[in-house]
Amino acid sequence: MRYQIFKIGLSIVSLLPAIALTLGAINDELGANPIEVLTRDTGEWALRFLLITLAVSPLRLSVGWHFLAAVRRMLGLYSFFYAVIHMLLYLWLDQFFDLSDIIEDVIERPFITVGFISFLALIPLALTSNDGMIKRLGTQRWNKLHRLVYYIAIGGVVHFYMLVKKDITEPLVYIALLAVLLGIRLYRYSRRTWISV
């Protein structure tokens, strides 16, 4: 029962940024360029949820918060949810679903290229994030596929860094957080490899 309450509460909290942005757009409270704010903020929330998802295992193992393992997939899906909104806003409000303009933009602007590839890589992870797909693929193949999340996270922080033109403090914070999270995984992997030798 406690787990269900926690999961519902976490789901509500995860939706709050989307609700805040929607209300801000409706009430004209997003400044002079609301499209830019909506697109930027949904992209940032996608990246934040991705990093939170990657933080679950280190927290579970180091602090003993084992209950977090049960919500890891949900957090990953919220990353995908915000990434989908981010992409739709770009395709609709920036490119007006003009396929030729979209292709040209993806080819000519490197930060769009990185972001687009990262988004495409998220799709198979979202589609296989249920127990049924784990059974169909088998645990080993499922785990291999979901290791894409590391490359997606790298692509996400690179996309954000390339996007920002002036103050790069925030992208550097995300890069540092990702470096720590990946460093923990590399350390654990090297220890397992060393012990098994």
C-alpha atoms as a PDB file:
ATOM      1  CA  MET A   1       0.000   0.000   0.000  1.00  0.00           C
ATOM      2  CA  ARG A   2       2.816   2.409   0.910  1.00  0.00           C
ATOM      3  CA  TYR A   3       4.544   1.621  -2.391  1.00  0.00           C
ATOM      4  CA  GLN A   4       1.362   2.387  -4.366  1.00  0.00           C
ATOM      5  CA  ILE A   5       0.940   5.728  -2.562  1.00  0.00           C
ATOM      6  CA  PHE A   6       4.601   6.567  -3.204  1.00  0.00           C
ATOM      7  CA  LYS A   7       4.270   5.642  -6.891  1.00  0.00           C
ATOM      8  CA  ILE A   8       1.105   7.741  -7.330  1.00  0.00           C
ATOM      9  CA  GLY A   9       2.706  10.673  -5.505  1.00  0.00           C
ATOM     10  CA  LEU A  10       5.858  10.447  -7.630  1.00  0.00           C
ATOM     11  CA  SER A  11       3.757  10.311 -10.792  1.00  0.00           C
ATOM     12  CA  ILE A  12       1.868  13.466  -9.777  1.00  0.00           C
ATOM     13  CA  VAL A  13       5.123  15.270  -8.943  1.00  0.00           C
ATOM     14  CA  SER A  14       6.569  14.182 -12.310  1.00  0.00           C
ATOM     15  CA  LEU A  15       3.637  15.775 -14.124  1.00  0.00           C
ATOM     16  CA  LEU A  16       3.916  19.111 -12.305  1.00  0.00           C
ATOM     17  CA  PRO A  17       6.435  20.657 -14.767  1.00  0.00           C
ATOM     18  CA  ALA A  18       4.110  19.872 -17.696  1.00  0.00           C
ATOM     19  CA  ILE A  19       1.133  21.305 -15.806  1.00  0.00           C
ATOM     20  CA  ALA A  20       3.095  24.453 -14.864  1.00  0.00           C
ATOM     21  CA  LEU A  21       4.209  24.995 -18.470  1.00  0.00           C
ATOM     22  CA  THR A  22       0.669  24.439 -19.783  1.00  0.00           C
ATOM     23  CA  LEU A  23      -0.812  26.936 -17.305  1.00  0.00           C
ATOM     24  CA  GLY A  24       1.985  29.383 -18.083  1.00  0.00           C
ATOM     25  CA  ALA A  25       1.207  29.153 -21.805  1.00  0.00           C
ATOM     26  CA  ILE A  26      -2.554  29.541 -21.240  1.00  0.00           C
ATOM     27  CA  ASN A  27      -2.100  32.548 -18.948  1.00  0.00           C
ATOM     28  CA  ASP A  28       0.581  34.121 -21.184  1.00  0.00           C
ATOM     29  CA  GLU A  29       3.200  33.968 -18.409  1.00  0.00           C
ATOM     30  CA  LEU A  30       6.128  32.504 -20.381  1.00  0.00           C
ATOM     31  CA  GLY A  31       7.696  35.776 -21.460  1.00  0.00           C
ATOM     32  CA  ALA A  32       8.294  37.308 -24.865  1.00  0.00           C
ATOM     33  CA  ASN A  33       9.085  33.991 -26.580  1.00  0.00           C
ATOM     34  CA  PRO A  34       6.784  31.310 -25.103  1.00  0.00           C
ATOM     35  CA  ILE A  35       7.592  28.802 -27.874  1.00  0.00           C
ATOM     36  CA  GLU A  36      11.288  28.937 -27.013  1.00  0.00           C
ATOM     37  CA  VAL A  37      10.522  28.555 -23.291  1.00  0.00           C
ATOM     38  CA  LEU A  38       8.220  25.570 -23.875  1.00  0.00           C
ATOM     39  CA  THR A  39      10.675  23.848 -26.198  1.00  0.00           C
ATOM     40  CA  ARG A  40      13.703  24.494 -23.990  1.00  0.00           C
ATOM     41  CA  ASP A  41      12.034  23.548 -20.698  1.00  0.00           C
ATOM     42  CA  THR A  42      10.490  20.309 -21.950  1.00  0.00           C
ATOM     43  CA  GLY A  43      13.904  19.312 -23.325  1.00  0.00           C
ATOM     44  CA  GLU A  44      15.534  20.091 -19.986  1.00  0.00           C
ATOM     45  CA  TRP A  45      12.949  18.070 -18.099  1.00  0.00           C
ATOM     46  CA  ALA A  46      13.523  15.129 -20.430  1.00  0.00           C
ATOM     47  CA  LEU A  47      17.246  15.339 -19.603  1.00  0.00           C
ATOM     48  CA  ARG A  48      16.602  15.750 -15.874  1.00  0.00           C
ATOM     49  CA  PHE A  49      14.386  12.668 -15.730  1.00  0.00           C
ATOM     50  CA  LEU A  50      16.974  10.734 -17.718  1.00  0.00           C
ATOM     51  CA  LEU A  51      19.671  11.624 -15.172  1.00  0.00           C
ATOM     52  CA  ILE A  52      17.307  10.839 -12.280  1.00  0.00           C
ATOM     53  CA  THR A  53      16.661   7.429 -13.853  1.00  0.00           C
ATOM     54  CA  LEU A  54      20.407   6.797 -14.102  1.00  0.00           C
ATOM     55  CA  ALA A  55      20.807   7.836 -10.444  1.00  0.00           C
ATOM     56  CA  VAL A  56      18.418   5.122  -9.212  1.00  0.00           C
ATOM     57  CA  SER A  57      20.931   2.248  -9.192  1.00  0.00           C
ATOM     58  CA  PRO A  58      23.728   4.157  -7.388  1.00  0.00           C
ATOM     59  CA  LEU A  59      21.244   5.409  -4.765  1.00  0.00           C
ATOM     60  CA  ARG A  60      19.743   1.955  -4.340  1.00  0.00           C
ATOM     61  CA  LEU A  61      23.129   0.314  -3.836  1.00  0.00           C
ATOM     62  CA  SER A  62      24.901   3.007  -1.807  1.00  0.00           C
ATOM     63  CA  VAL A  63      22.073   4.320   0.381  1.00  0.00           C
ATOM     64  CA  GLY A  64      19.915   1.189   0.438  1.00  0.00           C
ATOM     65  CA  TRP A  65      16.848   2.784  -1.154  1.00  0.00           C
ATOM     66  CA  HIS A  66      15.814  -0.470  -2.822  1.00  0.00           C
ATOM     67  CA  PHE A  67      12.231   0.727  -3.314  1.00  0.00           C
ATOM     68  CA  LEU A  68      13.503   3.048  -6.070  1.00  0.00           C
ATOM     69  CA  ALA A  69      14.172   0.067  -8.373  1.00  0.00           C
ATOM     70  CA  ALA A  70      10.415  -0.370  -8.746  1.00  0.00           C
ATOM     71  CA  VAL A  71       9.928   3.164 -10.129  1.00  0.00           C
ATOM     72  CA  ARG A  72      13.006   3.326 -12.383  1.00  0.00           C
ATOM     73  CA  ARG A  73      11.064   2.395 -15.517  1.00  0.00           C
ATOM     74  CA  MET A  74       8.343   4.915 -14.671  1.00  0.00           C
ATOM     75  CA  LEU A  75      10.954   7.671 -14.343  1.00  0.00           C
ATOM     76  CA  GLY A  76      12.442   6.613 -17.679  1.00  0.00           C
ATOM     77  CA  LEU A  77       9.017   6.862 -19.294  1.00  0.00           C
ATOM     78  CA  TYR A  78       8.598  10.380 -17.933  1.00  0.00           C
ATOM     79  CA  SER A  79      11.888  11.263 -19.611  1.00  0.00           C
ATOM     80  CA  PHE A  80      10.414   9.927 -22.855  1.00  0.00           C
ATOM     81  CA  PHE A  81       7.146  11.806 -22.212  1.00  0.00           C
ATOM     82  CA  TYR A  82       8.951  15.158 -21.954  1.00  0.00           C
ATOM     83  CA  ALA A  83      11.207  14.265 -24.895  1.00  0.00           C
ATOM     84  CA  VAL A  84       8.119  13.564 -27.057  1.00  0.00           C
ATOM     85  CA  ILE A  85       6.599  16.934 -26.119  1.00  0.00           C
ATOM     86  CA  HIS A  86       9.955  18.608 -26.787  1.00  0.00           C
ATOM     87  CA  MET A  87      10.165  16.981 -30.222  1.00  0.00           C
ATOM     88  CA  LEU A  88       6.523  17.727 -31.108  1.00  0.00           C
ATOM     89  CA  LEU A  89       6.973  21.387 -30.194  1.00  0.00           C
ATOM     90  CA  TYR A  90      10.019  21.563 -32.469  1.00  0.00           C
ATOM     91  CA  LEU A  91       8.276  19.773 -35.354  1.00  0.00           C
ATOM     92  CA  TRP A  92       5.046  21.738 -35.003  1.00  0.00           C
ATOM     93  CA  LEU A  93       5.810  25.257 -33.788  1.00  0.00           C
ATOM     94  CA  ASP A  94       9.333  25.580 -35.179  1.00  0.00           C
ATOM     95  CA  GLN A  95       9.150  23.603 -38.432  1.00  0.00           C
ATOM     96  CA  PHE A  96       5.355  23.427 -39.040  1.00  0.00           C
ATOM     97  CA  PHE A  97       5.747  19.703 -39.904  1.00  0.00           C
ATOM     98  CA  ASP A  98       7.535  20.649 -43.141  1.00  0.00           C
ATOM     99  CA  LEU A  99       9.498  17.456 -43.877  1.00  0.00           C
ATOM    100  CA  SER A 100      12.030  19.061 -46.233  1.00  0.00           C
ATOM    101  CA  ASP A 101      12.792  21.839 -43.704  1.00  0.00           C
ATOM    102  CA  ILE A 102      13.121  19.282 -40.909  1.00  0.00           C
ATOM    103  CA  ILE A 103      15.564  17.123 -42.898  1.00  0.00           C
ATOM    104  CA  GLU A 104      17.585  20.203 -43.877  1.00  0.00           C
ATOM    105  CA  ASP A 105      17.662  21.377 -40.236  1.00  0.00           C
ATOM    106  CA  VAL A 106      18.783  17.961 -38.963  1.00  0.00           C
ATOM    107  CA  ILE A 107      21.585  17.804 -41.546  1.00  0.00           C
ATOM    108  CA  GLU A 108      22.808  21.393 -41.268  1.00  0.00           C
ATOM    109  CA  ARG A 109      22.632  22.061 -37.511  1.00  0.00           C
ATOM    110  CA  PRO A 110      24.785  19.637 -35.464  1.00  0.00           C
ATOM    111  CA  PHE A 111      22.953  20.193 -32.166  1.00  0.00           C
ATOM    112  CA  ILE A 112      19.668  19.278 -33.882  1.00  0.00           C
ATOM    113  CA  THR A 113      21.353  16.181 -35.372  1.00  0.00           C
ATOM    114  CA  VAL A 114      22.549  15.015 -31.937  1.00  0.00           C
ATOM    115  CA  GLY A 115      19.179  15.718 -30.325  1.00  0.00           C
ATOM    116  CA  PHE A 116      17.243  13.972 -33.111  1.00  0.00           C
ATOM    117  CA  ILE A 117      19.418  10.836 -32.953  1.00  0.00           C
ATOM    118  CA  SER A 118      19.115  10.746 -29.149  1.00  0.00           C
ATOM    119  CA  PHE A 119      15.331  11.012 -29.388  1.00  0.00           C
ATOM    120  CA  LEU A 120      15.110   8.219 -31.967  1.00  0.00           C
ATOM    121  CA  ALA A 121      17.228   6.003 -29.698  1.00  0.00           C
ATOM    122  CA  LEU A 122      14.778   6.620 -26.833  1.00  0.00           C
ATOM    123  CA  ILE A 123      11.851   5.154 -28.790  1.00  0.00           C
ATOM    124  CA  PRO A 124      12.849   1.446 -28.632  1.00  0.00           C
ATOM    125  CA  LEU A 125      13.572   1.828 -24.911  1.00  0.00           C
ATOM    126  CA  ALA A 126      10.100   3.248 -24.269  1.00  0.00           C
ATOM    127  CA  LEU A 127       8.442   0.564 -26.416  1.00  0.00           C
ATOM    128  CA  THR A 128      10.215  -2.238 -24.526  1.00  0.00           C
ATOM    129  CA  SER A 129       9.792  -0.843 -21.012  1.00  0.00           C
ATOM    130  CA  ASN A 130       7.139  -3.347 -19.918  1.00  0.00           C
ATOM    131  CA  ASP A 131       7.379  -6.843 -18.432  1.00  0.00           C
ATOM    132  CA  GLY A 132       5.903  -8.425 -21.568  1.00  0.00           C
ATOM    133  CA  MET A 133       8.743  -7.125 -23.744  1.00  0.00           C
ATOM    134  CA  ILE A 134      11.343  -8.294 -21.231  1.00  0.00           C
ATOM    135  CA  LYS A 135       9.929 -11.809 -21.566  1.00  0.00           C
ATOM    136  CA  ARG A 136       9.804 -11.602 -25.367  1.00  0.00           C
ATOM    137  CA  LEU A 137      13.332 -10.272 -25.766  1.00  0.00           C
ATOM    138  CA  GLY A 138      14.869 -12.227 -22.917  1.00  0.00           C
ATOM    139  CA  THR A 139      16.653 -10.541 -20.021  1.00  0.00           C
ATOM    140  CA  GLN A 140      20.081 -10.554 -21.679  1.00  0.00           C
ATOM    141  CA  ARG A 141      18.952  -8.970 -24.957  1.00  0.00           C
ATOM    142  CA  TRP A 142      16.702  -6.520 -23.081  1.00  0.00           C
ATOM    143  CA  ASN A 143      19.631  -5.410 -20.906  1.00  0.00           C
ATOM    144  CA  LYS A 144      21.856  -4.949 -23.974  1.00  0.00           C
ATOM    145  CA  LEU A 145      19.196  -2.834 -25.679  1.00  0.00           C
ATOM    146  CA  HIS A 146      18.635  -0.674 -22.611  1.00  0.00           C
ATOM    147  CA  ARG A 147      22.349   0.099 -22.347  1.00  0.00           C
ATOM    148  CA  LEU A 148      21.523   2.590 -25.103  1.00  0.00           C
ATOM    149  CA  VAL A 149      20.413   4.869 -22.271  1.00  0.00           C
ATOM    150  CA  TYR A 150      24.066   5.750 -21.564  1.00  0.00           C
ATOM    151  CA  TYR A 151      24.640   6.938 -25.148  1.00  0.00           C
ATOM    152  CA  ILE A 152      21.291   8.757 -25.123  1.00  0.00           C
ATOM    153  CA  ALA A 153      22.250  10.590 -21.927  1.00  0.00           C
ATOM    154  CA  ILE A 154      25.599  11.596 -23.448  1.00  0.00           C
ATOM    155  CA  GLY A 155      23.774  12.776 -26.568  1.00  0.00           C
ATOM    156  CA  GLY A 156      21.310  14.710 -24.402  1.00  0.00           C
ATOM    157  CA  VAL A 157      23.953  16.671 -22.492  1.00  0.00           C
ATOM    158  CA  VAL A 158      25.945  17.316 -25.692  1.00  0.00           C
ATOM    159  CA  HIS A 159      22.753  18.544 -27.413  1.00  0.00           C
ATOM    160  CA  PHE A 160      22.072  20.913 -24.521  1.00  0.00           C
ATOM    161  CA  TYR A 161      25.686  22.151 -24.386  1.00  0.00           C
ATOM    162  CA  MET A 162      25.703  22.870 -28.137  1.00  0.00           C
ATOM    163  CA  LEU A 163      22.345  24.640 -27.903  1.00  0.00           C
ATOM    164  CA  VAL A 164      23.403  27.121 -25.219  1.00  0.00           C
ATOM    165  CA  LYS A 165      25.231  30.088 -26.726  1.00  0.00           C
ATOM    166  CA  LYS A 166      26.269  32.219 -23.738  1.00  0.00           C
ATOM    167  CA  ASP A 167      26.100  30.930 -20.153  1.00  0.00           C
ATOM    168  CA  ILE A 168      27.153  27.268 -20.268  1.00  0.00           C
ATOM    169  CA  THR A 169      26.977  26.792 -16.474  1.00  0.00           C
ATOM    170  CA  GLU A 170      23.805  24.684 -16.531  1.00  0.00           C
ATOM    171  CA  PRO A 171      24.946  22.322 -19.318  1.00  0.00           C
ATOM    172  CA  LEU A 172      28.255  21.863 -17.475  1.00  0.00           C
ATOM    173  CA  VAL A 173      26.354  20.884 -14.313  1.00  0.00           C
ATOM    174  CA  TYR A 174      24.484  18.197 -16.288  1.00  0.00           C
ATOM    175  CA  ILE A 175      27.739  17.015 -17.858  1.00  0.00           C
ATOM    176  CA  ALA A 176      29.342  16.760 -14.402  1.00  0.00           C
ATOM    177  CA  LEU A 177      26.367  14.826 -12.989  1.00  0.00           C
ATOM    178  CA  LEU A 178      26.413  12.415 -15.920  1.00  0.00           C
ATOM    179  CA  ALA A 179      30.181  11.962 -15.577  1.00  0.00           C
ATOM    180  CA  VAL A 180      29.702  11.006 -11.915  1.00  0.00           C
ATOM    181  CA  LEU A 181      26.868   8.578 -12.703  1.00  0.00           C
ATOM    182  CA  LEU A 182      28.803   6.915 -15.520  1.00  0.00           C
ATOM    183  CA  GLY A 183      31.969   6.917 -13.416  1.00  0.00           C
ATOM    184  CA  ILE A 184      30.188   4.985 -10.656  1.00  0.00           C
ATOM    185  CA  ARG A 185      29.057   2.390 -13.187  1.00  0.00           C
ATOM    186  CA  LEU A 186      32.549   2.050 -14.678  1.00  0.00           C
ATOM    187  CA  TYR A 187      34.024   1.637 -11.191  1.00  0.00           C
ATOM    188  CA  ARG A 188      31.511  -1.079 -10.295  1.00  0.00           C
ATOM    189  CA  TYR A 189      32.119  -2.851 -13.614  1.00  0.00           C
ATOM    190  CA  SER A 190      35.914  -2.721 -13.196  1.00  0.00           C
ATOM    191  CA  ARG A 191      35.616  -4.115  -9.656  1.00  0.00           C
ATOM    192  CA  ARG A 192      33.455  -7.032 -10.839  1.00  0.00           C
ATOM    193  CA  THR A 193      35.914  -7.718 -13.670  1.00  0.00           C
ATOM    194  CA  TRP A 194      38.896  -7.556 -11.313  1.00  0.00           C
ATOM    195  CA  ILE A 195      37.246  -9.863  -8.735  1.00  0.00           C
ATOM    196  CA  SER A 196      36.302 -12.451 -11.399  1.00  0.00           C
ATOM    197  CA  VAL A 197      39.886 -12.644 -12.740  1.00  0.00           C
END
